[in-house]
N, C-alpha and C. Protein backbone atom coordinates (compact mmCIF):
# COMPACT_ATOMS: atom_id res chain seq x y z
N MET A 1 19.72 -9.09 107.11
CA MET A 1 18.67 -8.20 107.56
C MET A 1 18.95 -7.72 108.99
N GLU A 2 19.52 -8.59 109.79
CA GLU A 2 19.82 -8.23 111.18
C GLU A 2 20.78 -7.04 111.25
N ASP A 3 21.75 -7.01 110.34
CA ASP A 3 22.69 -5.88 110.31
C ASP A 3 21.97 -4.58 109.99
N LEU A 4 21.02 -4.65 109.06
CA LEU A 4 20.25 -3.47 108.69
C LEU A 4 19.42 -2.97 109.86
N VAL A 5 18.81 -3.87 110.60
CA VAL A 5 18.01 -3.50 111.76
C VAL A 5 18.90 -2.86 112.83
N GLN A 6 20.06 -3.43 113.05
CA GLN A 6 20.97 -2.84 114.05
C GLN A 6 21.41 -1.44 113.63
N PHE A 7 21.72 -1.26 112.35
CA PHE A 7 22.10 0.06 111.85
C PHE A 7 20.93 1.04 111.99
N ALA A 8 19.73 0.60 111.61
CA ALA A 8 18.55 1.46 111.71
C ALA A 8 18.32 1.88 113.16
N GLN A 9 18.51 0.97 114.09
CA GLN A 9 18.32 1.32 115.51
C GLN A 9 19.34 2.34 115.97
N LYS A 10 20.57 2.25 115.48
CA LYS A 10 21.58 3.25 115.84
C LYS A 10 21.19 4.62 115.30
N VAL A 11 20.69 4.65 114.07
CA VAL A 11 20.24 5.91 113.47
C VAL A 11 19.08 6.49 114.28
N ILE A 12 18.10 5.65 114.59
CA ILE A 12 16.93 6.09 115.36
C ILE A 12 17.37 6.61 116.72
N SER A 13 18.27 5.91 117.37
CA SER A 13 18.75 6.32 118.68
C SER A 13 19.40 7.70 118.62
N SER A 14 20.20 7.93 117.61
CA SER A 14 20.87 9.23 117.47
C SER A 14 19.87 10.35 117.18
N ILE A 15 18.99 10.10 116.24
CA ILE A 15 18.02 11.13 115.85
C ILE A 15 17.03 11.42 116.97
N SER A 16 16.65 10.41 117.71
CA SER A 16 15.64 10.60 118.76
C SER A 16 16.14 11.51 119.88
N GLN A 17 17.44 11.71 119.96
CA GLN A 17 17.97 12.60 120.99
C GLN A 17 17.69 14.07 120.67
N ILE A 18 17.37 14.37 119.40
CA ILE A 18 17.10 15.76 119.04
C ILE A 18 15.66 16.01 118.62
N LEU A 19 14.89 14.96 118.37
CA LEU A 19 13.49 15.13 117.98
C LEU A 19 12.59 14.80 119.16
N PRO A 20 11.54 15.59 119.38
CA PRO A 20 10.68 15.39 120.54
C PRO A 20 9.50 14.44 120.31
N PHE A 21 9.53 13.66 119.23
CA PHE A 21 8.40 12.78 118.95
C PHE A 21 8.91 11.42 118.49
N PRO A 22 8.06 10.39 118.55
CA PRO A 22 8.46 9.04 118.13
C PRO A 22 8.77 9.01 116.63
N ILE A 23 9.75 8.23 116.25
CA ILE A 23 10.10 8.08 114.84
C ILE A 23 10.35 6.61 114.52
N SER A 24 10.26 6.30 113.23
CA SER A 24 10.56 4.94 112.80
C SER A 24 11.11 4.98 111.38
N LEU A 25 11.82 3.92 111.02
CA LEU A 25 12.33 3.73 109.67
C LEU A 25 11.71 2.45 109.13
N SER A 26 11.30 2.50 107.87
CA SER A 26 10.69 1.33 107.25
C SER A 26 11.45 0.95 106.00
N ASP A 27 11.37 -0.33 105.65
CA ASP A 27 11.93 -0.75 104.38
C ASP A 27 10.91 -0.51 103.28
N LYS A 28 11.22 -0.87 102.05
CA LYS A 28 10.33 -0.58 100.93
C LYS A 28 9.00 -1.33 101.01
N ASP A 29 8.92 -2.36 101.83
CA ASP A 29 7.69 -3.12 101.99
C ASP A 29 6.83 -2.61 103.14
N GLY A 30 7.29 -1.55 103.80
CA GLY A 30 6.54 -0.99 104.92
C GLY A 30 6.84 -1.65 106.25
N VAL A 31 7.81 -2.55 106.28
CA VAL A 31 8.19 -3.22 107.52
C VAL A 31 9.10 -2.29 108.31
N ILE A 32 8.76 -2.05 109.56
CA ILE A 32 9.55 -1.16 110.40
C ILE A 32 10.84 -1.85 110.78
N ILE A 33 11.97 -1.19 110.46
CA ILE A 33 13.28 -1.78 110.75
C ILE A 33 14.00 -1.02 111.86
N GLY A 34 13.45 0.10 112.28
CA GLY A 34 14.01 0.87 113.38
C GLY A 34 12.92 1.76 113.96
N SER A 35 12.86 1.86 115.28
CA SER A 35 11.80 2.65 115.90
C SER A 35 12.17 3.05 117.31
N THR A 36 11.63 4.19 117.75
CA THR A 36 11.80 4.59 119.14
C THR A 36 10.89 3.74 120.03
N ILE A 37 9.99 2.99 119.42
CA ILE A 37 9.12 2.05 120.13
C ILE A 37 9.52 0.65 119.67
N PRO A 38 10.43 0.00 120.39
CA PRO A 38 11.01 -1.27 119.92
C PRO A 38 9.99 -2.35 119.56
N GLU A 39 8.82 -2.34 120.17
CA GLU A 39 7.81 -3.37 119.87
C GLU A 39 7.33 -3.28 118.43
N ARG A 40 7.53 -2.13 117.78
CA ARG A 40 7.06 -1.95 116.40
C ARG A 40 8.02 -2.56 115.38
N ILE A 41 9.24 -2.85 115.77
CA ILE A 41 10.21 -3.41 114.82
C ILE A 41 9.70 -4.76 114.32
N GLY A 42 9.70 -4.89 113.00
CA GLY A 42 9.22 -6.12 112.37
C GLY A 42 7.75 -6.08 112.00
N THR A 43 7.04 -5.04 112.43
CA THR A 43 5.64 -4.92 112.07
C THR A 43 5.51 -4.08 110.81
N VAL A 44 4.37 -4.18 110.15
CA VAL A 44 4.13 -3.41 108.92
C VAL A 44 3.45 -2.10 109.27
N HIS A 45 3.91 -1.04 108.62
CA HIS A 45 3.32 0.28 108.79
C HIS A 45 2.55 0.59 107.50
N PRO A 46 1.23 0.26 107.46
CA PRO A 46 0.45 0.39 106.22
C PRO A 46 0.48 1.77 105.57
N PRO A 47 0.42 2.89 106.33
CA PRO A 47 0.47 4.19 105.64
C PRO A 47 1.77 4.40 104.86
N PHE A 48 2.89 3.95 105.39
CA PHE A 48 4.15 4.09 104.66
C PHE A 48 4.11 3.22 103.41
N LYS A 49 3.63 2.02 103.55
CA LYS A 49 3.59 1.11 102.41
C LYS A 49 2.73 1.69 101.29
N ARG A 50 1.57 2.23 101.64
CA ARG A 50 0.70 2.86 100.63
C ARG A 50 1.39 4.04 99.98
N SER A 51 2.01 4.87 100.80
CA SER A 51 2.70 6.05 100.30
C SER A 51 3.81 5.67 99.33
N PHE A 52 4.60 4.68 99.70
CA PHE A 52 5.69 4.21 98.85
C PHE A 52 5.15 3.68 97.53
N GLU A 53 4.10 2.88 97.60
CA GLU A 53 3.53 2.30 96.39
C GLU A 53 2.98 3.40 95.49
N GLU A 54 2.29 4.37 96.07
CA GLU A 54 1.72 5.45 95.26
C GLU A 54 2.82 6.29 94.61
N LYS A 55 3.88 6.54 95.32
CA LYS A 55 4.94 7.40 94.79
C LYS A 55 5.84 6.69 93.79
N TYR A 56 6.20 5.44 94.05
CA TYR A 56 7.20 4.78 93.24
C TYR A 56 6.67 3.66 92.34
N LEU A 57 5.75 2.88 92.83
CA LEU A 57 5.34 1.71 92.07
C LEU A 57 4.23 2.00 91.06
N CYS A 58 3.43 3.00 91.31
CA CYS A 58 2.31 3.29 90.42
C CYS A 58 2.73 4.06 89.17
N ARG A 59 3.98 4.41 89.06
CA ARG A 59 4.45 5.14 87.89
C ARG A 59 4.66 4.23 86.69
N PHE A 60 4.69 2.93 86.91
CA PHE A 60 4.99 2.00 85.83
C PHE A 60 3.75 1.49 85.17
């Protein structure tokens, strides 16, 4: 998991140089694995989790 977080942070770092707003990457459980706000890494982002569940998990 640590490798994934490091990769996500590299992606966030690169993208944040061209976007004027905060961004984050989450895993399928809504856990933030990369963010322009480092304190958010490892926390759950409930709106993403709900969105993911509605789009992918509720089809079954």
